[in-house]
Protein backbone atom coordinates (compact mmCIF):
# COMPACT_ATOMS: atom_id res chain seq x y z
CA MET A 1 71.33 10.21 124.15
CA SER A 2 73.46 12.17 125.65
CA SER A 3 75.82 11.04 128.41
CA TYR A 4 77.40 12.92 131.48
CA ILE A 5 79.36 12.37 134.66
CA ILE A 6 77.05 12.10 138.10
CA GLY A 7 79.79 11.51 140.57
CA LYS A 8 83.21 9.59 140.74
CA LEU A 9 84.67 7.25 143.42
CA ASP A 10 87.87 7.40 145.19
CA LEU A 11 89.43 4.08 144.61
CA ARG A 12 93.17 4.88 145.49
CA ASN A 13 92.85 3.75 149.07
CA VAL A 14 90.88 0.26 147.94
CA ASP A 15 92.70 -3.10 148.17
CA PHE A 16 91.53 -4.86 145.24
CA SER A 17 94.46 -8.06 146.17
CA GLU A 18 91.65 -10.17 146.92
CA GLU A 19 89.59 -9.46 143.69
CA ILE A 20 92.88 -9.78 141.58
CA GLU A 21 93.84 -13.08 143.27
CA TRP A 22 90.18 -14.06 142.49
CA LEU A 23 90.46 -13.52 138.66
CA ASN A 24 94.02 -14.74 138.06
CA SER A 25 92.77 -18.20 139.95
CA LEU A 26 90.13 -18.21 136.66
CA PRO A 27 90.89 -21.05 134.22
CA LYS A 28 92.20 -19.34 130.97
CA ILE A 29 90.23 -20.14 127.96
CA HIS A 30 92.13 -20.67 124.63
CA GLU A 31 90.02 -20.08 121.73
CA GLU A 32 90.28 -18.76 118.68
CA TYR A 33 89.17 -15.20 119.85
CA ASP A 34 90.47 -15.00 123.31
CA GLU A 35 92.77 -12.32 122.75
CA PHE A 36 89.64 -10.09 122.09
CA ALA A 37 88.04 -10.80 125.29
CA GLN A 38 91.12 -10.74 127.15
CA GLY A 39 92.36 -7.23 125.71
CA TYR A 40 95.48 -8.43 123.96
CA TRP A 41 95.78 -7.22 120.83
CA LYS A 42 98.84 -8.48 118.69
CA GLY A 43 98.63 -6.52 115.15
CA ASN A 44 100.10 -8.51 111.67
CA PRO A 45 103.46 -7.50 110.55
CA PRO A 46 103.29 -4.66 107.97
CA ASP A 47 103.37 -5.63 104.30
CA LYS A 48 106.45 -4.74 102.66
CA GLU A 49 105.14 -4.13 99.48
CA ARG A 50 102.87 -1.49 100.62
């Protein structure tokens, strides 16, 4: 199934400060895979024997 752009939204003049404040007020859940849900990636240091 192919996809294509049907339109675009101009968000340059939209104030997202209330939404960002609300998102930042949510409790931070610390669990084993929390970094994947939050968009944070921490790679392992390279193996020196490679």
